[in-house]
Amino acid sequence: MLLAVLVAALHGAAVAFMLVGSLLALRWPRLLWAHVPVSLAILALYLTGSDCPLTTWELALRDAAGEPGYRGGFIGHYITEPLGFPIEATSTQVGIYVVAFLPNVVGYGLLVARHVRRSVRARGG
């Protein structure tokens, strides 16, 4: 069961990194090399409705330990359902997209603005 908990913690860290990685990259730009592929992979899984490999792995470890699994995926099980928002609800889905996109739009927008400012300064303008 400990391995299942560790996989769930890793999963939570991946989701948190996807949410705030672009903002962290304002301080540590090299994080973008990890953030971009992680974010795109999570987005692709979510948009296609595919099962996340980390969820599948966690559920297999729970099963092997004789523990019950869950339905609705990681986000539904650990975040939205405990807060009273059914994962299938349109409002919950919209909320997930807003929470996922907003910090990334801000973070990448600030990164692009910084790059443009530096480029203009480098050209002497």
C-alpha atoms as a PDB file:
ATOM      1  CA  MET A   1       0.000   0.000   0.000  1.00  0.00           C
ATOM      2  CA  LEU A   2       2.925   2.326   0.670  1.00  0.00           C
ATOM      3  CA  LEU A   3       3.920   2.144  -3.000  1.00  0.00           C
ATOM      4  CA  ALA A   4       0.387   3.158  -4.028  1.00  0.00           C
ATOM      5  CA  VAL A   5       0.582   6.147  -1.684  1.00  0.00           C
ATOM      6  CA  LEU A   6       3.974   7.109  -3.126  1.00  0.00           C
ATOM      7  CA  VAL A   7       2.613   6.903  -6.673  1.00  0.00           C
ATOM      8  CA  ALA A   8      -0.370   9.057  -5.641  1.00  0.00           C
ATOM      9  CA  ALA A   9       2.052  11.599  -4.125  1.00  0.00           C
ATOM     10  CA  LEU A  10       4.108  11.590  -7.334  1.00  0.00           C
ATOM     11  CA  HIS A  11       0.892  12.084  -9.292  1.00  0.00           C
ATOM     12  CA  GLY A  12      -0.098  15.006  -7.085  1.00  0.00           C
ATOM     13  CA  ALA A  13       3.350  16.549  -7.568  1.00  0.00           C
ATOM     14  CA  ALA A  14       3.029  16.192 -11.361  1.00  0.00           C
ATOM     15  CA  VAL A  15      -0.363  17.909 -11.315  1.00  0.00           C
ATOM     16  CA  ALA A  16       0.942  20.697  -9.059  1.00  0.00           C
ATOM     17  CA  PHE A  17       3.974  21.146 -11.326  1.00  0.00           C
ATOM     18  CA  MET A  18       1.691  21.353 -14.352  1.00  0.00           C
ATOM     19  CA  LEU A  19      -0.329  24.056 -12.591  1.00  0.00           C
ATOM     20  CA  VAL A  20       2.527  26.282 -11.390  1.00  0.00           C
ATOM     21  CA  GLY A  21       5.554  25.239 -13.426  1.00  0.00           C
ATOM     22  CA  SER A  22       5.359  28.196 -15.790  1.00  0.00           C
ATOM     23  CA  LEU A  23       5.264  30.557 -12.811  1.00  0.00           C
ATOM     24  CA  LEU A  24       8.255  28.773 -11.264  1.00  0.00           C
ATOM     25  CA  ALA A  25      10.045  29.165 -14.595  1.00  0.00           C
ATOM     26  CA  LEU A  26       9.959  32.923 -14.095  1.00  0.00           C
ATOM     27  CA  ARG A  27      12.576  32.295 -11.409  1.00  0.00           C
ATOM     28  CA  TRP A  28      14.161  29.131 -12.838  1.00  0.00           C
ATOM     29  CA  PRO A  29      13.781  29.226 -16.655  1.00  0.00           C
ATOM     30  CA  ARG A  30      15.343  25.793 -17.147  1.00  0.00           C
ATOM     31  CA  LEU A  31      12.214  24.278 -15.597  1.00  0.00           C
ATOM     32  CA  LEU A  32      10.510  24.894 -18.931  1.00  0.00           C
ATOM     33  CA  TRP A  33      12.366  21.882 -20.346  1.00  0.00           C
ATOM     34  CA  ALA A  34      10.375  19.726 -17.920  1.00  0.00           C
ATOM     35  CA  HIS A  35       7.202  21.794 -17.684  1.00  0.00           C
ATOM     36  CA  VAL A  36       6.325  21.873 -21.368  1.00  0.00           C
ATOM     37  CA  PRO A  37       6.356  18.078 -21.923  1.00  0.00           C
ATOM     38  CA  VAL A  38       4.652  17.338 -18.588  1.00  0.00           C
ATOM     39  CA  SER A  39       1.902  19.872 -19.291  1.00  0.00           C
ATOM     40  CA  LEU A  40       1.365  18.692 -22.853  1.00  0.00           C
ATOM     41  CA  ALA A  41       1.195  15.040 -21.757  1.00  0.00           C
ATOM     42  CA  ILE A  42      -1.347  15.820 -19.032  1.00  0.00           C
ATOM     43  CA  LEU A  43      -3.379  17.981 -21.421  1.00  0.00           C
ATOM     44  CA  ALA A  44      -3.364  15.253 -24.081  1.00  0.00           C
ATOM     45  CA  LEU A  45      -4.515  12.621 -21.583  1.00  0.00           C
ATOM     46  CA  TYR A  46      -7.248  14.874 -20.274  1.00  0.00           C
ATOM     47  CA  LEU A  47      -8.532  16.023 -23.668  1.00  0.00           C
ATOM     48  CA  THR A  48      -8.632  12.487 -25.063  1.00  0.00           C
ATOM     49  CA  GLY A  49     -10.213  11.034 -21.937  1.00  0.00           C
ATOM     50  CA  SER A  50      -7.375   8.523 -21.705  1.00  0.00           C
ATOM     51  CA  ASP A  51      -6.436   6.824 -18.485  1.00  0.00           C
ATOM     52  CA  CYS A  52      -3.398   8.358 -16.854  1.00  0.00           C
ATOM     53  CA  PRO A  53      -0.591   5.802 -16.462  1.00  0.00           C
ATOM     54  CA  LEU A  54       0.038   7.028 -12.904  1.00  0.00           C
ATOM     55  CA  THR A  55      -3.594   6.394 -11.972  1.00  0.00           C
ATOM     56  CA  THR A  56      -3.444   2.953 -13.567  1.00  0.00           C
ATOM     57  CA  TRP A  57      -0.231   2.198 -11.669  1.00  0.00           C
ATOM     58  CA  GLU A  58      -1.655   3.422  -8.352  1.00  0.00           C
ATOM     59  CA  LEU A  59      -4.828   1.354  -8.790  1.00  0.00           C
ATOM     60  CA  ALA A  60      -2.799  -1.750  -9.673  1.00  0.00           C
ATOM     61  CA  LEU A  61      -0.685  -1.284  -6.537  1.00  0.00           C
ATOM     62  CA  ARG A  62      -3.818  -0.791  -4.422  1.00  0.00           C
ATOM     63  CA  ASP A  63      -5.307  -3.950  -5.893  1.00  0.00           C
ATOM     64  CA  ALA A  64      -2.109  -5.914  -5.251  1.00  0.00           C
ATOM     65  CA  ALA A  65      -2.195  -4.727  -1.633  1.00  0.00           C
ATOM     66  CA  GLY A  66      -5.838  -5.815  -1.277  1.00  0.00           C
ATOM     67  CA  GLU A  67      -7.023  -2.224  -1.001  1.00  0.00           C
ATOM     68  CA  PRO A  68     -10.060  -0.854  -2.815  1.00  0.00           C
ATOM     69  CA  GLY A  69      -9.608   1.184  -5.967  1.00  0.00           C
ATOM     70  CA  TYR A  70     -11.631   4.161  -7.082  1.00  0.00           C
ATOM     71  CA  ARG A  71     -13.428   5.464 -10.168  1.00  0.00           C
ATOM     72  CA  GLY A  72     -13.339   8.905 -11.698  1.00  0.00           C
ATOM     73  CA  GLY A  73      -9.602   9.282 -11.953  1.00  0.00           C
ATOM     74  CA  PHE A  74      -7.051  10.972  -9.737  1.00  0.00           C
ATOM     75  CA  ILE A  75      -8.472  14.507  -9.967  1.00  0.00           C
ATOM     76  CA  GLY A  76     -11.986  13.316  -9.245  1.00  0.00           C
ATOM     77  CA  HIS A  77     -11.003  11.013  -6.389  1.00  0.00           C
ATOM     78  CA  TYR A  78      -8.565  13.249  -4.560  1.00  0.00           C
ATOM     79  CA  ILE A  79      -9.653  16.786  -5.438  1.00  0.00           C
ATOM     80  CA  THR A  80     -13.076  17.484  -6.918  1.00  0.00           C
ATOM     81  CA  GLU A  81     -15.239  14.809  -5.283  1.00  0.00           C
ATOM     82  CA  PRO A  82     -14.002  15.545  -1.714  1.00  0.00           C
ATOM     83  CA  LEU A  83     -14.797  19.212  -2.337  1.00  0.00           C
ATOM     84  CA  GLY A  84     -18.315  18.269  -3.449  1.00  0.00           C
ATOM     85  CA  PHE A  85     -17.842  18.806  -7.179  1.00  0.00           C
ATOM     86  CA  PRO A  86     -18.734  15.724  -9.228  1.00  0.00           C
ATOM     87  CA  ILE A  87     -16.027  15.142 -11.828  1.00  0.00           C
ATOM     88  CA  GLU A  88     -18.629  14.483 -14.552  1.00  0.00           C
ATOM     89  CA  ALA A  89     -20.333  17.862 -14.084  1.00  0.00           C
ATOM     90  CA  THR A  90     -19.765  20.394 -16.842  1.00  0.00           C
ATOM     91  CA  SER A  91     -19.111  23.108 -14.268  1.00  0.00           C
ATOM     92  CA  THR A  92     -16.404  20.952 -12.675  1.00  0.00           C
ATOM     93  CA  GLN A  93     -14.783  20.335 -16.046  1.00  0.00           C
ATOM     94  CA  VAL A  94     -14.823  24.046 -16.856  1.00  0.00           C
ATOM     95  CA  GLY A  95     -13.353  24.773 -13.437  1.00  0.00           C
ATOM     96  CA  ILE A  96     -10.555  22.269 -14.009  1.00  0.00           C
ATOM     97  CA  TYR A  97      -9.656  23.883 -17.325  1.00  0.00           C
ATOM     98  CA  VAL A  98      -9.689  27.377 -15.821  1.00  0.00           C
ATOM     99  CA  VAL A  99      -7.520  26.303 -12.881  1.00  0.00           C
ATOM    100  CA  ALA A 100      -5.122  24.547 -15.250  1.00  0.00           C
ATOM    101  CA  PHE A 101      -4.916  27.217 -17.945  1.00  0.00           C
ATOM    102  CA  LEU A 102      -5.006  30.458 -15.974  1.00  0.00           C
ATOM    103  CA  PRO A 103      -1.658  30.174 -14.154  1.00  0.00           C
ATOM    104  CA  ASN A 104      -0.048  28.880 -17.338  1.00  0.00           C
ATOM    105  CA  VAL A 105      -1.411  31.716 -19.472  1.00  0.00           C
ATOM    106  CA  VAL A 106      -0.090  34.180 -16.880  1.00  0.00           C
ATOM    107  CA  GLY A 107       3.265  32.404 -16.518  1.00  0.00           C
ATOM    108  CA  TYR A 108       3.923  31.952 -20.227  1.00  0.00           C
ATOM    109  CA  GLY A 109       2.620  35.445 -20.966  1.00  0.00           C
ATOM    110  CA  LEU A 110       5.115  36.912 -18.503  1.00  0.00           C
ATOM    111  CA  LEU A 111       7.903  34.740 -19.922  1.00  0.00           C
ATOM    112  CA  VAL A 112       7.155  35.912 -23.470  1.00  0.00           C
ATOM    113  CA  ALA A 113       6.971  39.551 -22.327  1.00  0.00           C
ATOM    114  CA  ARG A 114      10.343  39.171 -20.592  1.00  0.00           C
ATOM    115  CA  HIS A 115      11.860  37.649 -23.720  1.00  0.00           C
ATOM    116  CA  VAL A 116      10.485  40.450 -25.914  1.00  0.00           C
ATOM    117  CA  ARG A 117      11.817  43.142 -23.541  1.00  0.00           C
ATOM    118  CA  ARG A 118      15.264  41.545 -23.530  1.00  0.00           C
ATOM    119  CA  SER A 119      15.262  41.242 -27.323  1.00  0.00           C
ATOM    120  CA  VAL A 120      14.328  44.901 -27.751  1.00  0.00           C
ATOM    121  CA  ARG A 121      17.070  45.960 -25.303  1.00  0.00           C
ATOM    122  CA  ALA A 122      19.633  43.757 -27.049  1.00  0.00           C
ATOM    123  CA  ARG A 123      18.836  45.455 -30.366  1.00  0.00           C
ATOM    124  CA  GLY A 124      19.326  48.838 -28.761  1.00  0.00           C
ATOM    125  CA  GLY A 125      15.680  49.861 -28.793  1.00  0.00           C
END
